[in-house]
Protein backbone atom coordinates (compact mmCIF):
# COMPACT_ATOMS: atom_id res chain seq x y z
CA UNK A 1 0.00 0.00 0.00
CA UNK A 2 1.36 3.44 -0.95
CA UNK A 3 2.06 6.31 1.38
CA UNK A 4 -0.52 9.09 1.48
CA UNK A 5 0.86 12.59 0.93
CA UNK A 6 -0.45 16.04 0.09
CA UNK A 7 2.15 16.79 -2.57
CA UNK A 8 -0.27 17.16 -5.48
CA UNK A 9 -2.34 20.31 -5.49
CA UNK A 10 -4.38 22.51 -7.79
CA UNK A 11 -1.95 24.91 -9.50
CA UNK A 12 -2.20 28.49 -8.19
CA UNK A 13 -2.44 29.96 -11.68
CA UNK A 14 -5.51 27.86 -12.50
CA UNK A 15 -8.26 28.87 -10.06
CA UNK A 16 -11.39 26.80 -10.11
CA UNK A 17 -9.73 23.86 -11.85
CA UNK A 18 -8.80 20.45 -10.56
CA UNK A 19 -6.41 19.02 -13.08
CA UNK A 20 -3.89 17.30 -10.83
CA UNK A 21 -3.27 13.65 -11.43
CA UNK A 22 -5.49 11.25 -9.58
CA UNK A 23 -2.82 9.64 -7.43
CA UNK A 24 -2.84 8.13 -3.98
CA UNK A 25 -2.26 11.46 -2.25
CA UNK A 26 -4.95 13.02 -0.06
CA UNK A 27 -5.92 15.74 -2.56
CA UNK A 28 -6.21 13.12 -5.27
CA UNK A 29 -8.75 11.11 -3.29
CA UNK A 30 -11.52 13.68 -3.67
CA UNK A 31 -10.62 14.30 -7.30
CA UNK A 32 -10.79 10.58 -8.03
CA UNK A 33 -14.01 10.09 -6.04
CA UNK A 34 -15.72 12.97 -7.90
CA UNK A 35 -14.64 11.58 -11.28
CA UNK A 36 -15.23 7.87 -10.67
CA UNK A 37 -18.20 7.93 -8.28
CA UNK A 38 -20.19 11.07 -9.13
CA UNK A 39 -23.43 9.67 -7.74
CA UNK A 40 -21.89 8.95 -4.32
CA UNK A 41 -20.86 11.36 -1.61
CA UNK A 42 -21.24 12.33 2.02
CA UNK A 43 -24.19 12.92 4.30
CA UNK A 44 -24.18 15.67 6.87
CA UNK A 45 -26.23 14.58 9.88
CA UNK A 46 -27.93 17.23 11.97
CA UNK A 47 -27.98 15.10 15.09
CA UNK A 48 -31.51 16.18 15.92
CA UNK A 49 -33.22 13.16 14.35
CA UNK A 50 -31.73 9.84 13.35
CA UNK A 51 -32.68 10.13 9.67
CA UNK A 52 -32.25 13.91 9.33
CA UNK A 53 -29.34 14.45 6.95
CA UNK A 54 -28.25 16.52 3.97
CA UNK A 55 -26.54 14.64 1.11
CA UNK A 56 -23.71 16.13 -0.99
CA UNK A 57 -22.19 14.23 -3.90
CA UNK A 58 -18.41 14.10 -4.31
CA UNK A 59 -18.60 16.46 -7.31
CA UNK A 60 -20.62 18.94 -5.19
CA UNK A 61 -18.08 18.65 -2.35
CA UNK A 62 -15.26 19.22 -4.85
CA UNK A 63 -17.01 22.30 -6.28
CA UNK A 64 -17.60 23.70 -2.77
CA UNK A 65 -13.94 23.08 -1.93
CA UNK A 66 -12.66 24.68 -5.13
CA UNK A 67 -14.73 27.82 -4.54
CA UNK A 68 -13.37 28.08 -1.02
CA UNK A 69 -9.82 27.48 -2.29
CA UNK A 70 -10.26 30.34 -4.77
CA UNK A 71 -11.35 32.57 -1.85
CA UNK A 72 -8.39 31.47 0.27
CA UNK A 73 -6.00 32.26 -2.57
CA UNK A 74 -7.65 35.65 -3.11
CA UNK A 75 -7.00 36.32 0.58
CA UNK A 76 -3.30 35.54 0.09
CA UNK A 77 -3.08 31.94 1.28
CA UNK A 78 -0.38 30.08 -0.64
CA UNK A 79 0.80 26.44 -0.58
CA UNK A 80 2.62 25.61 2.62
CA UNK A 81 0.91 28.30 4.68
CA UNK A 82 -1.02 26.90 7.65
CA UNK A 83 -4.75 27.61 7.72
CA UNK A 84 -6.59 27.44 11.05
CA UNK A 85 -10.05 25.94 10.68
CA UNK A 86 -12.45 27.15 13.36
CA UNK A 87 -15.62 25.47 12.16
CA UNK A 88 -18.05 23.26 14.04
CA UNK A 89 -20.52 22.23 11.36
CA UNK A 90 -19.40 19.36 9.12
CA UNK A 91 -21.04 20.98 6.08
CA UNK A 92 -18.63 23.91 6.50
CA UNK A 93 -15.65 21.99 7.87
CA UNK A 94 -15.30 19.34 5.14
CA UNK A 95 -15.13 21.77 2.17
CA UNK A 96 -12.62 23.89 4.11
CA UNK A 97 -10.48 20.87 4.91
CA UNK A 98 -10.52 19.71 1.27
CA UNK A 99 -9.77 23.26 0.06
CA UNK A 100 -6.62 23.21 2.19
CA UNK A 101 -5.62 19.77 0.92
CA UNK A 102 -6.25 20.74 -2.71
CA UNK A 103 -4.27 23.94 -2.26
CA UNK A 104 -1.30 22.34 -0.50
CA UNK A 105 -1.92 24.22 2.75
CA UNK A 106 -1.64 22.37 6.05
CA UNK A 107 -4.65 22.92 8.29
CA UNK A 108 -4.95 23.18 12.05
CA UNK A 109 -8.38 22.14 13.35
CA UNK A 110 -9.97 23.75 16.38
CA UNK A 111 -13.46 22.91 17.56
CA UNK A 112 -14.57 25.77 19.81
CA UNK A 113 -17.57 24.16 21.53
CA UNK A 114 -15.44 21.28 22.82
CA UNK A 115 -12.92 23.77 24.18
CA UNK A 116 -15.56 26.00 25.75
CA UNK A 117 -17.28 23.07 27.48
CA UNK A 118 -13.96 22.00 29.01
CA UNK A 119 -12.94 25.42 30.34
CA UNK A 120 -12.64 25.30 34.10
CA UNK A 121 -12.71 21.51 34.30
CA UNK A 122 -9.78 19.70 35.82
CA UNK A 123 -8.49 16.36 34.68
């Protein structure tokens, strides 16, 4: 089994395009899933009811991630620059995570509600 890396990324001079090779790297996984399994995807569960969920196909997730990557680049984020993700909802977190992977930017994840609940508690 090959090693997973984040070496392949969407070229900076080609916003809104995903033309990297479909390898075994992390960015390539979403590209390959969108191309090979366009009818499949993810489900975002609300947690309120067992069957309450919002489906997104892999191509939709890729499009969401590309749009966010374009915004990150417009804000000056370049490959190798760490992006802090402060998002609780999966429907916002997953596209942001994939945008970072597609753009070659490491991401640091922080979930504020978990931190806030633990403030003042001792181990």
